Every structure is written in structure tokens, then in C-alpha cells.
Amino acid sequence: SFLIKKGIELVEQGHEISEVTAKLNELREHTRLYLFPSNLDQLKRSGRVSGGQAILASLFNIKPILAIEDGGAKIKDKVRTEKKVISWLINNLKTDLETKSVKK
């Protein structure tokens, strides 16, 4: 949604389509999107995790942290509680803010 809004904004500012495409591709390379599902039912149905993995994750309260990379969802890490998920996200945000620049 962020990239769509940015594309519309650039078009409204009068940028050529080639410029808009180049800018959106650049922004996409520098954008991170993390997801953490509350349960693995949908991932099990889609075949991304096996039934056994889903049962073990539920049994041990394991929360996968997924990232959208290269056109697909990939598991970045696994933690045991939602509190640890939030801590993981905050730590990664801090690291990114220290080591990378924010692009608009």
C-alpha cells in the first residue's frame, strides 16, 4: 500500500512513468515487511508448513517471523511468545535505524 500511494503521488507530481517505476523499484529494495501470524492454520493450508510443524508450533507456542523477500514469504526467525516477537521487531528496527538511512 505504501508503494502504491508513493506511485500515485509521483504521477500526480508530473513524473514520467519510467521515473516512477525506477523510484518504486528503488524504494522496494529498501523496504522491509515483517509478518507474524497468530497461528499457522493458513500457512498449513497453503502448504508453506507441514501439519507436524503447525502442531509443534502450536504446542510450544512458537511464533514464526516472516519477511516478504524476493516475491515470497520467508521465515526470518522463530520465537516463543508474542512479547518476544515485539522485542525482535524493535531490536531489528533499532539496528536498521543505526545502520541504514530512511528514504522517502
C-alpha atoms as a PDB file:
ATOM      1  CA  SER A   1       0.000   0.000   0.000  1.00  0.00           C
ATOM      2  CA  PHE A   2       2.915   2.367   0.760  1.00  0.00           C
ATOM      3  CA  LEU A   3       4.407   1.808  -2.702  1.00  0.00           C
ATOM      4  CA  ILE A   4       1.034   2.301  -4.393  1.00  0.00           C
ATOM      5  CA  LYS A   5       0.475   5.596  -2.555  1.00  0.00           C
ATOM      6  CA  LYS A   6       4.008   6.743  -3.412  1.00  0.00           C
ATOM      7  CA  GLY A   7       3.469   5.848  -7.082  1.00  0.00           C
ATOM      8  CA  ILE A   8       0.231   7.838  -7.217  1.00  0.00           C
ATOM      9  CA  GLU A   9       1.944  10.776  -5.515  1.00  0.00           C
ATOM     10  CA  LEU A  10       4.788  10.752  -8.057  1.00  0.00           C
ATOM     11  CA  VAL A  11       2.377  10.557 -11.009  1.00  0.00           C
ATOM     12  CA  GLU A  12       0.344  13.453  -9.592  1.00  0.00           C
ATOM     13  CA  GLN A  13       3.573  15.467  -9.299  1.00  0.00           C
ATOM     14  CA  GLY A  14       4.054  15.007 -13.045  1.00  0.00           C
ATOM     15  CA  HIS A  15       6.885  12.459 -13.094  1.00  0.00           C
ATOM     16  CA  GLU A  16       7.278  10.264 -16.175  1.00  0.00           C
ATOM     17  CA  ILE A  17       6.225   6.621 -15.849  1.00  0.00           C
ATOM     18  CA  SER A  18       9.850   5.491 -16.246  1.00  0.00           C
ATOM     19  CA  GLU A  19      10.870   7.758 -13.341  1.00  0.00           C
ATOM     20  CA  VAL A  20       8.019   6.460 -11.190  1.00  0.00           C
ATOM     21  CA  THR A  21       8.949   2.851 -11.952  1.00  0.00           C
ATOM     22  CA  ALA A  22      12.618   3.459 -11.153  1.00  0.00           C
ATOM     23  CA  LYS A  23      11.785   5.201  -7.874  1.00  0.00           C
ATOM     24  CA  LEU A  24       9.351   2.477  -6.809  1.00  0.00           C
ATOM     25  CA  ASN A  25      11.905  -0.231  -7.615  1.00  0.00           C
ATOM     26  CA  GLU A  26      14.493   1.626  -5.526  1.00  0.00           C
ATOM     27  CA  LEU A  27      12.069   2.003  -2.609  1.00  0.00           C
ATOM     28  CA  ARG A  28      11.106  -1.673  -2.846  1.00  0.00           C
ATOM     29  CA  GLU A  29      14.759  -2.659  -2.465  1.00  0.00           C
ATOM     30  CA  HIS A  30      14.970  -0.638   0.760  1.00  0.00           C
ATOM     31  CA  THR A  31      11.627  -1.652   2.262  1.00  0.00           C
ATOM     32  CA  ARG A  32      11.193  -4.376   4.849  1.00  0.00           C
ATOM     33  CA  LEU A  33       7.914  -6.022   5.678  1.00  0.00           C
ATOM     34  CA  TYR A  34       7.668  -8.438   8.591  1.00  0.00           C
ATOM     35  CA  LEU A  35       4.634 -10.523   9.493  1.00  0.00           C
ATOM     36  CA  PHE A  36       3.915 -12.795  12.381  1.00  0.00           C
ATOM     37  CA  PRO A  37       0.796 -14.939  12.156  1.00  0.00           C
ATOM     38  CA  SER A  38      -1.074 -15.649  15.372  1.00  0.00           C
ATOM     39  CA  ASN A  39      -1.475 -19.261  14.237  1.00  0.00           C
ATOM     40  CA  LEU A  40      -0.194 -21.373  11.378  1.00  0.00           C
ATOM     41  CA  ASP A  41      -3.540 -22.611  10.018  1.00  0.00           C
ATOM     42  CA  GLN A  42      -3.374 -20.579   6.813  1.00  0.00           C
ATOM     43  CA  LEU A  43       0.306 -21.421   6.268  1.00  0.00           C
ATOM     44  CA  LYS A  44      -0.553 -25.094   6.733  1.00  0.00           C
ATOM     45  CA  ARG A  45      -3.432 -24.869   4.235  1.00  0.00           C
ATOM     46  CA  SER A  46      -1.217 -23.158   1.675  1.00  0.00           C
ATOM     47  CA  GLY A  47       1.468 -25.830   2.058  1.00  0.00           C
ATOM     48  CA  ARG A  48       4.140 -23.498   3.416  1.00  0.00           C
ATOM     49  CA  VAL A  49       4.362 -25.516   6.643  1.00  0.00           C
ATOM     50  CA  SER A  50       3.542 -29.163   7.253  1.00  0.00           C
ATOM     51  CA  GLY A  51       0.837 -30.382   9.602  1.00  0.00           C
ATOM     52  CA  GLY A  52       3.511 -31.602  12.010  1.00  0.00           C
ATOM     53  CA  GLN A  53       5.244 -28.233  12.031  1.00  0.00           C
ATOM     54  CA  ALA A  54       1.950 -26.476  12.712  1.00  0.00           C
ATOM     55  CA  ILE A  55       1.148 -28.817  15.608  1.00  0.00           C
ATOM     56  CA  LEU A  56       4.615 -28.419  17.164  1.00  0.00           C
ATOM     57  CA  ALA A  57       4.499 -24.644  16.768  1.00  0.00           C
ATOM     58  CA  SER A  58       1.112 -24.538  18.470  1.00  0.00           C
ATOM     59  CA  LEU A  59       2.182 -26.933  21.215  1.00  0.00           C
ATOM     60  CA  PHE A  60       5.344 -24.962  22.060  1.00  0.00           C
ATOM     61  CA  ASN A  61       3.811 -21.533  21.343  1.00  0.00           C
ATOM     62  CA  ILE A  62       6.357 -20.875  18.589  1.00  0.00           C
ATOM     63  CA  LYS A  63       5.733 -17.727  16.561  1.00  0.00           C
ATOM     64  CA  PRO A  64       7.440 -17.524  13.170  1.00  0.00           C
ATOM     65  CA  ILE A  65       8.532 -14.104  11.966  1.00  0.00           C
ATOM     66  CA  LEU A  66       8.100 -13.881   8.222  1.00  0.00           C
ATOM     67  CA  ALA A  67       9.609 -11.395   5.812  1.00  0.00           C
ATOM     68  CA  ILE A  68       8.446 -10.616   2.315  1.00  0.00           C
ATOM     69  CA  GLU A  69      11.576 -11.006   0.177  1.00  0.00           C
ATOM     70  CA  ASP A  70      12.129 -11.804  -3.491  1.00  0.00           C
ATOM     71  CA  GLY A  71       8.401 -12.025  -4.129  1.00  0.00           C
ATOM     72  CA  GLY A  72       7.607 -14.522  -1.374  1.00  0.00           C
ATOM     73  CA  ALA A  73       7.304 -15.013   2.354  1.00  0.00           C
ATOM     74  CA  LYS A  74      10.378 -16.430   4.074  1.00  0.00           C
ATOM     75  CA  ILE A  75      10.856 -17.349   7.718  1.00  0.00           C
ATOM     76  CA  LYS A  76      13.352 -14.924   9.276  1.00  0.00           C
ATOM     77  CA  ASP A  77      13.251 -16.252  12.813  1.00  0.00           C
ATOM     78  CA  LYS A  78      11.164 -18.223  15.301  1.00  0.00           C
ATOM     79  CA  VAL A  79      10.434 -17.062  18.833  1.00  0.00           C
ATOM     80  CA  ARG A  80       8.269 -18.495  21.606  1.00  0.00           C
ATOM     81  CA  THR A  81       5.884 -15.687  22.570  1.00  0.00           C
ATOM     82  CA  GLU A  82       4.272 -12.585  21.095  1.00  0.00           C
ATOM     83  CA  LYS A  83       6.214 -10.494  23.608  1.00  0.00           C
ATOM     84  CA  LYS A  84       9.446 -11.857  22.100  1.00  0.00           C
ATOM     85  CA  VAL A  85       8.143 -11.107  18.599  1.00  0.00           C
ATOM     86  CA  ILE A  86       7.682  -7.460  19.568  1.00  0.00           C
ATOM     87  CA  SER A  87      11.135  -7.371  21.148  1.00  0.00           C
ATOM     88  CA  TRP A  88      12.622  -8.917  17.982  1.00  0.00           C
ATOM     89  CA  LEU A  89      10.898  -6.316  15.783  1.00  0.00           C
ATOM     90  CA  ILE A  90      12.054  -3.423  17.989  1.00  0.00           C
ATOM     91  CA  ASN A  91      15.661  -4.683  18.028  1.00  0.00           C
ATOM     92  CA  ASN A  92      15.690  -5.044  14.237  1.00  0.00           C
ATOM     93  CA  LEU A  93      14.188  -1.588  13.814  1.00  0.00           C
ATOM     94  CA  LYS A  94      16.864  -0.106  16.082  1.00  0.00           C
ATOM     95  CA  THR A  95      19.601  -1.869  14.101  1.00  0.00           C
ATOM     96  CA  ASP A  96      18.158  -0.627  10.807  1.00  0.00           C
ATOM     97  CA  LEU A  97      17.888   2.930  12.122  1.00  0.00           C
ATOM     98  CA  GLU A  98      21.539   2.817  13.244  1.00  0.00           C
ATOM     99  CA  THR A  99      22.931   1.263  10.064  1.00  0.00           C
ATOM    100  CA  LYS A 100      20.653   2.441   7.253  1.00  0.00           C
ATOM    101  CA  SER A 101      19.148   5.665   6.044  1.00  0.00           C
ATOM    102  CA  VAL A 102      15.458   6.409   5.655  1.00  0.00           C
ATOM    103  CA  LYS A 103      14.408   7.064   2.054  1.00  0.00           C
ATOM    104  CA  LYS A 104      11.287   8.930   1.004  1.00  0.00           C
END
